[in-house]
Amino acid sequence: MAPGGGTAYLEGMTDLHALMQQAQAMQQKLQDAQAKMAETTASGTSGGGLVTVALKGAGEITGVTIDDSLLVSGEGEILADLIVAAHADAKRKLDEANGALMREAAGPMAGMNIPGMPKLF
């Protein structure tokens, strides 16, 4: 064995151990972020506030508010369009909030495509 060869091996093992600890810490951060994402809420509006849609987690609709002025005969198509638009607004906001949580959890790993890991934006 070359002189100092054992020391280099031990240093390599220490580096691997530190890397494994960092990976475990990041995994915990990602799990925490996913738990926060499940509780994240966002509301979207359309028609100048005539329709509001509330979302939670990955996009579950938790509420819809419709102004009474839209509840008249013949306004069904307009109402449907406003609901779709409000949902799209809420979904965009929810996706932005969830993306921020994941980027924060991923830290310097955000944007990297590592096999076996979820895409981190």
Protein backbone atom coordinates (compact mmCIF):
# COMPACT_ATOMS: atom_id res chain seq x y z
CA MET A 1 0.00 0.00 0.00
CA ALA A 2 1.33 3.44 -0.87
CA PRO A 3 2.18 5.76 2.00
CA GLY A 4 -0.81 7.79 3.05
CA GLY A 5 -3.15 5.59 0.96
CA GLY A 6 -5.18 4.63 4.01
CA THR A 7 -5.64 8.27 4.97
CA ALA A 8 -7.01 9.14 1.53
CA TYR A 9 -9.45 6.24 1.80
CA LEU A 10 -10.65 7.43 5.20
CA GLU A 11 -11.03 10.99 3.90
CA GLY A 12 -13.10 9.67 1.01
CA MET A 13 -15.33 7.75 3.41
CA THR A 14 -15.76 10.88 5.54
CA ASP A 15 -16.74 12.85 2.44
CA LEU A 16 -19.23 10.14 1.46
CA HIS A 17 -20.68 10.13 4.97
CA ALA A 18 -21.06 13.93 4.87
CA LEU A 19 -22.71 13.69 1.46
CA MET A 20 -25.16 11.07 2.75
CA GLN A 21 -26.03 13.31 5.72
CA GLN A 22 -26.66 16.22 3.36
CA ALA A 23 -28.87 14.03 1.18
CA GLN A 24 -30.88 12.91 4.22
CA ALA A 25 -31.27 16.52 5.38
CA MET A 26 -32.44 17.56 1.92
CA GLN A 27 -34.89 14.66 1.80
CA GLN A 28 -36.36 15.83 5.11
CA LYS A 29 -36.62 19.40 3.80
CA LEU A 30 -38.44 18.13 0.70
CA GLN A 31 -40.85 16.09 2.82
CA ASP A 32 -41.52 19.14 4.99
CA ALA A 33 -42.10 21.24 1.86
CA GLN A 34 -44.55 18.66 0.50
CA ALA A 35 -46.47 18.76 3.79
CA LYS A 36 -46.62 22.56 3.56
CA MET A 37 -47.73 22.31 -0.07
CA ALA A 38 -50.64 20.09 0.96
CA GLU A 39 -51.84 22.90 3.23
CA THR A 40 -51.10 25.81 0.87
CA THR A 41 -54.17 27.70 -0.32
CA ALA A 42 -54.79 30.24 -3.06
CA SER A 43 -57.81 32.11 -4.37
CA GLY A 44 -58.39 33.28 -7.89
CA THR A 45 -60.95 35.73 -9.20
CA SER A 46 -62.51 36.69 -12.49
CA GLY A 47 -65.10 39.11 -13.77
CA GLY A 48 -63.79 41.87 -11.57
CA GLY A 49 -64.38 39.80 -8.46
CA LEU A 50 -67.76 38.38 -9.46
CA VAL A 51 -66.41 34.83 -9.22
CA THR A 52 -63.84 33.52 -6.74
CA VAL A 53 -62.40 30.00 -6.62
CA ALA A 54 -60.36 28.77 -3.64
CA LEU A 55 -57.84 25.93 -4.04
CA LYS A 56 -55.75 23.90 -1.62
CA GLY A 57 -52.80 21.54 -1.96
CA ALA A 58 -52.33 20.25 -5.48
CA GLY A 59 -55.43 21.99 -6.78
CA GLU A 60 -58.39 20.68 -4.80
CA ILE A 61 -61.29 23.17 -5.04
CA THR A 62 -62.31 24.14 -1.53
CA GLY A 63 -64.76 26.91 -2.37
CA VAL A 64 -66.53 28.81 -5.10
CA THR A 65 -68.18 32.19 -4.58
CA ILE A 66 -70.52 33.60 -7.24
CA ASP A 67 -72.00 37.08 -7.17
CA ASP A 68 -75.81 36.99 -7.20
CA SER A 69 -75.89 39.23 -10.29
CA LEU A 70 -74.65 36.25 -12.33
CA LEU A 71 -77.44 33.95 -11.18
CA VAL A 72 -79.98 34.96 -13.81
CA SER A 73 -81.45 33.00 -16.67
CA GLY A 74 -79.31 33.07 -19.80
CA GLU A 75 -76.01 33.81 -17.99
CA GLY A 76 -74.90 30.16 -17.72
CA GLU A 77 -72.23 30.35 -20.41
CA ILE A 78 -70.76 33.55 -18.99
CA LEU A 79 -70.78 32.06 -15.50
CA ALA A 80 -69.04 28.91 -16.71
CA ASP A 81 -66.34 30.97 -18.42
CA LEU A 82 -65.81 33.06 -15.28
CA ILE A 83 -65.48 29.95 -13.11
CA VAL A 84 -62.88 28.48 -15.47
CA ALA A 85 -60.96 31.78 -15.50
CA ALA A 86 -61.06 32.09 -11.70
CA HIS A 87 -59.84 28.51 -11.35
CA ALA A 88 -56.95 29.19 -13.74
CA ASP A 89 -56.00 32.30 -11.73
CA ALA A 90 -56.07 30.37 -8.43
CA LYS A 91 -54.12 27.44 -9.92
CA ARG A 92 -51.40 29.77 -11.20
CA LYS A 93 -51.06 31.36 -7.75
CA LEU A 94 -51.04 27.96 -6.02
CA ASP A 95 -48.39 26.62 -8.42
CA GLU A 96 -46.23 29.69 -7.79
CA ALA A 97 -46.51 29.27 -4.01
CA ASN A 98 -45.77 25.54 -4.18
CA GLY A 99 -42.84 26.14 -6.55
CA ALA A 100 -41.37 28.64 -4.10
CA LEU A 101 -41.68 26.09 -1.27
CA MET A 102 -39.89 23.44 -3.31
CA ARG A 103 -37.13 25.80 -4.47
CA GLU A 104 -36.57 26.88 -0.87
CA ALA A 105 -36.40 23.26 0.30
CA ALA A 106 -34.09 22.21 -2.54
CA GLY A 107 -31.68 25.08 -1.97
CA PRO A 108 -28.66 24.79 -4.27
CA MET A 109 -30.07 21.56 -5.74
CA ALA A 110 -33.00 23.44 -7.34
CA GLY A 111 -32.92 23.18 -11.10
CA MET A 112 -30.78 20.04 -11.11
CA ASN A 113 -32.12 16.88 -12.69
CA ILE A 114 -30.87 14.06 -10.47
CA PRO A 115 -32.00 10.51 -11.34
CA GLY A 116 -34.35 9.13 -8.71
CA MET A 117 -35.15 12.56 -7.28
CA PRO A 118 -38.30 14.58 -8.02
CA LYS A 119 -37.85 17.44 -10.45
CA LEU A 120 -37.02 20.51 -8.37
CA PHE A 121 -38.04 23.26 -10.77
